[in-house]
Amino acid sequence: MHTGFALQHEADKTINQPAYEDVSTIFNSVFNVQLAMCPETINEVFAVRYQVYCIDRPFEDPNCFADKREHDAYDPRSAHALIRHRITGDSVAAVRLVMAGDDPEQADFPMEGPCLPQMDLYAQHAFAEARRENIAEISRMAVSREFRRRLNEDESGSGISDFACYSDAENGRRAMPYISLGLFSAILQMSVRHGITHWMAVMEPAQLRLLKRFGVEFDHVGPVMEYHGRRRPAFTEAASLIEGIKKRRPDVWSLITDEGRYLPAKPYTGYKANEREVA
């Protein structure tokens, strides 16, 4: 479901980033992750998606959403999250996890039919072996262009700053490349909450390269295909991906897992997804 196109700009920005900054400190000084647990916050998620998918990049027809909230039939069985700007409280990014739900007749995932058959037999076997109720599709990852513009504009056309409240603009620009990691932190938190052990997604090649730079590597990645643009399908066991990040980029692992507070369940072991108590 158009996953990740709104993050391509970050891949370009990240080229000049130092290899091992303190990503947790930088990200958390500017942004915070919030799970959307009430209708009001979910409404904010839909508003970010409308801005990104209907206005910034018109992949969806804005005329279909009179309330300026982009949503679809998968949202009722999805978990949602936001990235907020700490100082202003503005919603700057959003993501959802589409889950199988309770109705067997409506348990498909958006990418399952068009994308999964394009992957190799190993990926298809891994998908078939996983319990459907423990699989989720990462979807609707989006970063607001409007927020990025605000960080980069010091003055309006009249010469008077419209965004004086963005007093941390320099820190914000420095933290922007890590928003994709903040979204993965949200994905992990939602997965722990809902017992998800496997992730699937369709991503732009540029986004996959960005994530790989940060040590985020999927177990199975399919060929480039046409799916709302040039995309590559991916499937992974969550615990395997997180363990791989810890080996390759412990600094990124610290941000995504909140220093080990959130860890995904391992399939077929009887281990329950849990949140470690933090003193």
Protein backbone atom coordinates (compact mmCIF):
# COMPACT_ATOMS: atom_id res chain seq x y z
CA MET A 1 0.00 0.00 0.00
CA HIS A 2 2.34 2.77 -1.22
CA THR A 3 4.65 1.95 1.70
CA GLY A 4 7.66 4.16 1.99
CA PHE A 5 7.59 6.46 -1.04
CA ALA A 6 7.34 9.45 1.27
CA LEU A 7 10.67 8.51 2.87
CA GLN A 8 12.77 8.57 -0.30
CA HIS A 9 13.95 12.11 0.45
CA GLU A 10 15.53 10.77 3.62
CA ALA A 11 17.72 8.37 1.63
CA ASP A 12 19.24 11.33 -0.20
CA LYS A 13 19.72 13.31 3.00
CA THR A 14 21.32 10.38 4.79
CA ILE A 15 24.20 10.08 2.34
CA ASN A 16 26.01 12.91 4.10
CA GLN A 17 25.15 11.78 7.63
CA PRO A 18 27.99 10.60 9.91
CA ALA A 19 28.00 6.81 10.14
CA TYR A 20 27.57 6.52 13.91
CA GLU A 21 25.90 9.48 15.52
CA ASP A 22 24.01 9.03 18.77
CA VAL A 23 20.81 8.42 16.88
CA SER A 24 18.66 7.85 19.98
CA THR A 25 19.63 11.14 21.59
CA ILE A 26 19.24 13.07 18.35
CA PHE A 27 15.85 11.58 17.47
CA ASN A 28 14.39 11.69 20.98
CA SER A 29 15.47 15.30 21.54
CA VAL A 30 13.21 16.38 18.68
CA PHE A 31 10.52 13.73 18.21
CA ASN A 32 8.56 11.17 20.17
CA VAL A 33 6.62 8.06 19.16
CA GLN A 34 2.93 7.84 20.03
CA LEU A 35 0.67 4.86 19.46
CA ALA A 36 -2.79 5.91 18.29
CA MET A 37 -5.01 4.45 20.98
CA CYS A 38 -8.08 6.69 20.72
CA PRO A 39 -10.29 7.99 17.88
CA GLU A 40 -8.85 11.50 18.16
CA THR A 41 -5.27 10.33 17.61
CA ILE A 42 -6.27 7.93 14.83
CA ASN A 43 -7.95 10.91 13.20
CA GLU A 44 -4.59 12.70 13.29
CA VAL A 45 -3.02 9.70 11.56
CA PHE A 46 -5.61 9.94 8.80
CA ALA A 47 -4.93 13.68 8.48
CA VAL A 48 -1.19 13.08 7.98
CA ARG A 49 -1.98 10.44 5.40
CA TYR A 50 -4.35 12.80 3.58
CA GLN A 51 -1.61 15.43 3.42
CA VAL A 52 0.94 12.96 2.10
CA TYR A 53 -1.10 10.67 -0.15
CA CYS A 54 -3.67 13.15 -1.47
CA ILE A 55 -1.82 16.50 -1.46
CA ASP A 56 1.97 16.06 -1.36
CA ARG A 57 1.92 13.14 -3.76
CA PRO A 58 -1.58 12.61 -5.16
CA PHE A 59 -1.69 8.82 -5.21
CA GLU A 60 -5.23 8.99 -3.87
CA ASP A 61 -8.03 11.24 -5.08
CA PRO A 62 -8.59 14.00 -2.48
CA ASN A 63 -12.18 14.32 -3.68
CA CYS A 64 -12.87 10.90 -2.13
CA PHE A 65 -12.13 12.28 1.33
CA ALA A 66 -14.38 15.23 2.07
CA ASP A 67 -13.25 15.24 5.69
CA LYS A 68 -9.57 15.52 4.60
CA ARG A 69 -8.81 12.22 6.31
CA GLU A 70 -7.39 9.46 4.12
CA HIS A 71 -8.59 6.00 5.19
CA ASP A 72 -9.56 2.68 3.66
CA ALA A 73 -11.15 -0.70 4.36
CA TYR A 74 -8.00 -2.07 6.06
CA ASP A 75 -7.92 0.57 8.80
CA PRO A 76 -10.46 -1.04 11.17
CA ARG A 77 -8.13 -4.06 11.55
CA SER A 78 -4.94 -2.02 11.73
CA ALA A 79 -2.85 -0.53 14.51
CA HIS A 80 -1.72 3.06 13.97
CA ALA A 81 1.06 5.31 15.26
CA LEU A 82 2.40 8.85 14.93
CA ILE A 83 5.72 10.61 15.22
CA ARG A 84 5.27 13.96 16.98
CA HIS A 85 7.43 17.05 17.14
CA ARG A 86 8.10 17.46 20.85
CA ILE A 87 7.99 21.26 21.13
CA THR A 88 4.87 21.92 19.06
CA GLY A 89 3.07 18.57 19.33
CA ASP A 90 2.65 18.56 15.54
CA SER A 91 2.11 15.19 13.85
CA VAL A 92 4.95 14.79 11.36
CA ALA A 93 4.80 11.12 10.31
CA ALA A 94 2.53 8.11 10.51
CA VAL A 95 2.49 4.36 9.95
CA ARG A 96 0.07 1.48 10.35
CA LEU A 97 0.23 -2.27 10.79
CA VAL A 98 -2.46 -4.17 8.89
CA MET A 99 -3.37 -7.37 10.73
CA ALA A 100 -5.37 -10.42 9.74
CA GLY A 101 -8.33 -9.66 11.98
CA ASP A 102 -10.97 -12.05 13.26
CA ASP A 103 -12.97 -12.61 10.07
CA PRO A 104 -11.45 -15.41 7.93
CA GLU A 105 -13.14 -13.95 4.86
CA GLN A 106 -11.36 -10.63 5.38
CA ALA A 107 -7.95 -11.84 6.53
CA ASP A 108 -5.94 -11.00 3.42
CA PHE A 109 -3.14 -8.45 3.40
CA PRO A 110 -3.03 -5.62 0.84
CA MET A 111 0.17 -6.90 -0.83
CA GLU A 112 -0.58 -10.62 -0.50
CA GLY A 113 -2.32 -11.24 -3.82
CA PRO A 114 -0.35 -8.98 -6.18
CA CYS A 115 3.12 -9.19 -4.59
CA LEU A 116 3.71 -12.41 -2.67
CA PRO A 117 3.60 -14.66 -5.78
CA GLN A 118 6.44 -12.55 -7.25
CA MET A 119 8.77 -13.55 -4.42
CA ASP A 120 10.93 -16.68 -4.43
CA LEU A 121 9.80 -20.03 -3.07
CA TYR A 122 11.75 -19.55 0.17
CA ALA A 123 9.79 -16.37 0.95
CA GLN A 124 6.48 -17.97 -0.01
CA HIS A 125 7.27 -20.97 2.20
CA ALA A 126 8.22 -18.72 5.14
CA PHE A 127 4.94 -16.85 4.74
CA ALA A 128 2.94 -20.10 4.56
CA GLU A 129 4.68 -21.46 7.68
CA ALA A 130 3.94 -18.37 9.79
CA ARG A 131 0.66 -18.13 11.64
CA ARG A 132 -1.53 -15.62 9.88
CA GLU A 133 -2.68 -14.03 13.14
CA ASN A 134 0.98 -13.27 13.91
CA ILE A 135 1.70 -11.58 10.57
CA ALA A 136 1.24 -7.86 9.90
CA GLU A 137 1.83 -5.72 6.85
CA ILE A 138 3.76 -2.49 7.38
CA SER A 139 1.75 0.07 5.47
CA ARG A 140 1.10 3.77 4.94
CA MET A 141 4.55 4.91 6.13
CA ALA A 142 4.49 8.64 5.49
CA VAL A 143 6.41 11.77 6.45
CA SER A 144 4.82 15.19 6.08
CA ARG A 145 6.45 17.38 3.46
CA GLU A 146 4.85 20.36 5.18
CA PHE A 147 6.84 19.75 8.35
CA ARG A 148 10.06 19.37 6.38
CA ARG A 149 9.28 22.65 4.60
CA ARG A 150 8.69 24.41 7.92
CA LEU A 151 12.06 23.29 9.22
CA ASN A 152 13.78 24.67 6.14
CA GLU A 153 11.98 28.02 5.92
CA ASP A 154 13.21 30.75 8.23
CA GLU A 155 10.89 33.45 6.95
CA SER A 156 7.63 33.81 5.08
CA GLY A 157 7.23 35.91 1.95
CA SER A 158 6.44 38.92 4.11
CA GLY A 159 9.73 38.57 5.95
CA ILE A 160 8.03 37.58 9.19
CA SER A 161 8.60 34.08 10.49
CA ASP A 162 5.45 31.95 10.43
CA PHE A 163 7.16 29.19 12.36
CA ALA A 164 8.86 30.88 15.29
CA CYS A 165 7.79 27.96 17.47
CA TYR A 166 10.28 25.75 15.61
CA SER A 167 13.11 26.97 17.80
CA ASP A 168 14.86 23.62 17.39
CA ALA A 169 14.89 23.78 13.57
CA GLU A 170 18.58 22.95 13.33
CA ASN A 171 18.17 19.91 15.58
CA GLY A 172 15.07 19.00 13.61
CA ARG A 173 16.95 19.00 10.33
CA ARG A 174 19.63 16.85 11.92
CA ALA A 175 17.02 14.39 13.23
CA MET A 176 14.94 14.16 10.04
CA PRO A 177 16.93 11.27 8.50
CA TYR A 178 16.10 9.18 11.56
CA ILE A 179 12.33 9.46 11.22
CA SER A 180 12.27 6.14 9.35
CA LEU A 181 13.87 4.57 12.45
CA GLY A 182 11.29 6.26 14.67
CA LEU A 183 8.58 4.73 12.51
CA PHE A 184 10.22 1.32 12.95
CA SER A 185 10.20 1.92 16.69
CA ALA A 186 6.44 2.50 16.43
CA ILE A 187 6.06 -0.64 14.32
CA LEU A 188 7.91 -2.67 16.95
CA GLN A 189 5.85 -1.26 19.82
CA MET A 190 2.60 -2.06 17.99
CA SER A 191 3.89 -5.54 17.14
CA VAL A 192 4.75 -6.31 20.77
CA ARG A 193 1.31 -5.13 21.81
CA HIS A 194 -0.47 -7.34 19.26
CA GLY A 195 1.77 -10.42 19.31
CA ILE A 196 3.14 -9.95 15.79
CA THR A 197 6.11 -12.15 14.88
CA HIS A 198 6.42 -11.52 11.12
CA TRP A 199 6.40 -8.39 8.97
CA MET A 200 5.68 -7.91 5.30
CA ALA A 201 5.92 -4.73 3.26
CA VAL A 202 6.26 -3.29 -0.22
CA MET A 203 8.97 -0.63 -0.35
CA GLU A 204 10.78 1.57 -2.81
CA PRO A 205 14.30 0.35 -3.58
CA ALA A 206 15.62 3.66 -2.19
CA GLN A 207 13.92 3.05 1.13
CA LEU A 208 15.31 -0.46 1.39
CA ARG A 209 18.79 0.95 0.73
CA LEU A 210 18.25 3.57 3.44
CA LEU A 211 17.14 0.97 5.96
CA LYS A 212 20.04 -1.33 5.04
CA ARG A 213 22.43 1.55 5.74
CA PHE A 214 20.97 1.60 9.25
CA GLY A 215 21.36 -2.18 9.62
CA VAL A 216 17.67 -2.93 8.99
CA GLU A 217 17.66 -5.90 6.61
CA PHE A 218 14.69 -8.09 5.72
CA ASP A 219 15.13 -11.88 5.50
CA HIS A 220 13.45 -12.04 2.09
CA VAL A 221 13.31 -9.29 -0.53
CA GLY A 222 11.65 -9.86 -3.88
CA PRO A 223 12.35 -8.36 -7.31
CA VAL A 224 11.48 -4.83 -8.36
CA MET A 225 7.91 -4.80 -9.62
CA GLU A 226 5.21 -2.34 -10.60
CA TYR A 227 2.93 -1.85 -7.59
CA HIS A 228 1.81 1.77 -7.21
CA GLY A 229 5.22 2.63 -8.66
CA ARG A 230 8.48 0.70 -8.61
CA ARG A 231 8.49 -1.39 -5.44
CA ARG A 232 10.12 -4.47 -3.93
CA PRO A 233 8.12 -6.83 -1.70
CA ALA A 234 9.76 -7.94 1.56
CA PHE A 235 9.02 -10.47 4.30
CA THR A 236 10.84 -11.14 7.55
CA GLU A 237 10.66 -12.65 10.99
CA ALA A 238 10.60 -9.66 13.34
CA ALA A 239 12.94 -11.15 15.94
CA SER A 240 15.48 -12.05 13.25
CA LEU A 241 15.44 -8.52 11.87
CA ILE A 242 15.84 -6.94 15.32
CA GLU A 243 18.67 -9.31 16.26
CA GLY A 244 20.42 -8.46 13.01
CA ILE A 245 20.19 -4.74 13.78
CA LYS A 246 21.75 -5.33 17.19
CA LYS A 247 24.76 -7.03 15.58
CA ARG A 248 25.21 -4.50 12.78
CA ARG A 249 24.10 -1.24 14.39
CA PRO A 250 23.66 -1.39 18.18
CA ASP A 251 23.01 2.37 18.20
CA VAL A 252 20.04 1.91 15.87
CA TRP A 253 18.88 -1.12 17.87
CA SER A 254 18.85 1.07 21.00
CA LEU A 255 16.53 3.60 19.35
CA ILE A 256 14.16 1.09 17.77
CA THR A 257 13.82 -1.12 20.86
CA ASP A 258 14.02 1.73 23.41
CA GLU A 259 17.22 0.18 24.80
CA GLY A 260 15.72 -3.31 24.82
CA ARG A 261 12.39 -2.36 26.37
CA TYR A 262 10.46 -3.64 23.33
CA LEU A 263 11.44 -7.00 21.85
CA PRO A 264 9.34 -9.04 19.42
CA ALA A 265 8.10 -12.52 20.19
CA LYS A 266 9.91 -15.43 18.57
CA PRO A 267 7.56 -17.76 16.68
CA TYR A 268 6.76 -21.29 17.84
CA THR A 269 8.64 -21.06 21.13
CA GLY A 270 5.75 -20.24 23.45
CA TYR A 271 7.55 -17.02 24.31
CA LYS A 272 5.09 -14.21 24.83
CA ALA A 273 5.75 -10.75 23.44
CA ASN A 274 6.40 -8.55 26.41
CA GLU A 275 7.46 -5.19 27.56
CA ARG A 276 10.25 -5.21 30.13
CA GLU A 277 9.47 -3.12 33.16
CA VAL A 278 11.64 -0.04 33.26
CA ALA A 279 12.54 1.35 36.68
